C-alpha atoms as a PDB file:
ATOM      1  CA  UNK A   1      72.187  58.438 129.141  1.00  0.00           C
ATOM      2  CA  UNK A   2      74.540  60.442 131.484  1.00  0.00           C
ATOM      3  CA  UNK A   3      73.364  61.705 134.713  1.00  0.00           C
ATOM      4  CA  UNK A   4      73.305  65.398 135.745  1.00  0.00           C
ATOM      5  CA  UNK A   5      76.656  65.185 137.407  1.00  0.00           C
ATOM      6  CA  UNK A   6      78.398  63.743 134.385  1.00  0.00           C
ATOM      7  CA  UNK A   7      76.887  66.587 132.193  1.00  0.00           C
ATOM      8  CA  UNK A   8      78.324  69.317 134.588  1.00  0.00           C
ATOM      9  CA  UNK A   9      81.737  67.913 134.835  1.00  0.00           C
ATOM     10  CA  UNK A  10      84.317  69.970 132.872  1.00  0.00           C
ATOM     11  CA  UNK A  11      86.226  68.142 130.002  1.00  0.00           C
ATOM     12  CA  UNK A  12      89.461  66.455 131.196  1.00  0.00           C
ATOM     13  CA  UNK A  13      92.452  68.703 130.969  1.00  0.00           C
ATOM     14  CA  UNK A  14      96.034  68.555 132.116  1.00  0.00           C
ATOM     15  CA  UNK A  15      96.423  69.725 135.654  1.00  0.00           C
ATOM     16  CA  UNK A  16      98.992  72.457 136.775  1.00  0.00           C
ATOM     17  CA  UNK A  17     100.288  73.353 140.027  1.00  0.00           C
ATOM     18  CA  UNK A  18      99.415  76.790 141.570  1.00  0.00           C
ATOM     19  CA  UNK A  19     100.384  78.235 144.786  1.00  0.00           C
ATOM     20  CA  UNK A  20      98.449  80.472 147.244  1.00  0.00           C
ATOM     21  CA  UNK A  21      97.385  80.812 150.777  1.00  0.00           C
ATOM     22  CA  UNK A  22      93.928  80.726 152.283  1.00  0.00           C
ATOM     23  CA  UNK A  23      92.819  81.596 155.860  1.00  0.00           C
ATOM     24  CA  UNK A  24      92.972  78.565 158.182  1.00  0.00           C
ATOM     25  CA  UNK A  25      89.146  78.852 158.710  1.00  0.00           C
ATOM     26  CA  UNK A  26      88.560  78.617 154.920  1.00  0.00           C
ATOM     27  CA  UNK A  27      90.705  75.442 154.748  1.00  0.00           C
ATOM     28  CA  UNK A  28      88.832  73.817 157.549  1.00  0.00           C
ATOM     29  CA  UNK A  29      85.513  74.628 155.900  1.00  0.00           C
ATOM     30  CA  UNK A  30      86.823  73.182 152.673  1.00  0.00           C
ATOM     31  CA  UNK A  31      88.035  69.910 154.364  1.00  0.00           C
ATOM     32  CA  UNK A  32      84.609  69.562 156.110  1.00  0.00           C
ATOM     33  CA  UNK A  33      82.737  70.086 152.938  1.00  0.00           C
ATOM     34  CA  UNK A  34      84.885  67.859 150.922  1.00  0.00           C
ATOM     35  CA  UNK A  35      84.593  64.982 153.468  1.00  0.00           C
ATOM     36  CA  UNK A  36      80.785  65.350 153.693  1.00  0.00           C
ATOM     37  CA  UNK A  37      80.408  65.458 149.879  1.00  0.00           C
ATOM     38  CA  UNK A  38      82.858  62.852 149.034  1.00  0.00           C
ATOM     39  CA  UNK A  39      85.011  65.068 146.941  1.00  0.00           C
ATOM     40  CA  UNK A  40      88.918  65.773 147.197  1.00  0.00           C
ATOM     41  CA  UNK A  41      90.209  69.134 147.957  1.00  0.00           C
ATOM     42  CA  UNK A  42      91.713  69.485 144.512  1.00  0.00           C
ATOM     43  CA  UNK A  43      88.459  68.975 142.704  1.00  0.00           C
ATOM     44  CA  UNK A  44      86.633  71.227 145.143  1.00  0.00           C
ATOM     45  CA  UNK A  45      89.121  74.061 144.716  1.00  0.00           C
ATOM     46  CA  UNK A  46      89.060  73.625 140.868  1.00  0.00           C
ATOM     47  CA  UNK A  47      85.243  73.768 140.894  1.00  0.00           C
ATOM     48  CA  UNK A  48      85.085  76.652 143.202  1.00  0.00           C
ATOM     49  CA  UNK A  49      87.493  78.707 141.201  1.00  0.00           C
ATOM     50  CA  UNK A  50      85.904  77.784 137.932  1.00  0.00           C
ATOM     51  CA  UNK A  51      82.413  78.850 139.203  1.00  0.00           C
ATOM     52  CA  UNK A  52      83.872  82.193 140.534  1.00  0.00           C
ATOM     53  CA  UNK A  53      85.555  83.030 137.261  1.00  0.00           C
ATOM     54  CA  UNK A  54      82.517  81.899 135.231  1.00  0.00           C
ATOM     55  CA  UNK A  55      80.174  84.125 137.235  1.00  0.00           C
ATOM     56  CA  UNK A  56      82.579  87.078 136.576  1.00  0.00           C
ATOM     57  CA  UNK A  57      82.776  86.242 132.826  1.00  0.00           C
ATOM     58  CA  UNK A  58      86.499  85.653 133.108  1.00  0.00           C
END
């Protein structure tokens, strides 16, 4: 039986490159969070944007 983390993972899709800038303080917080939670920055950013857009029904 899959655990809770596996159930919440989005289906595998091709990844595409996007470009944007964030404040240095946000990047620092992202890096600290990612290190403490053993997740890479790409996956963190993908999850954060997905959550943001889902909450706004986009």
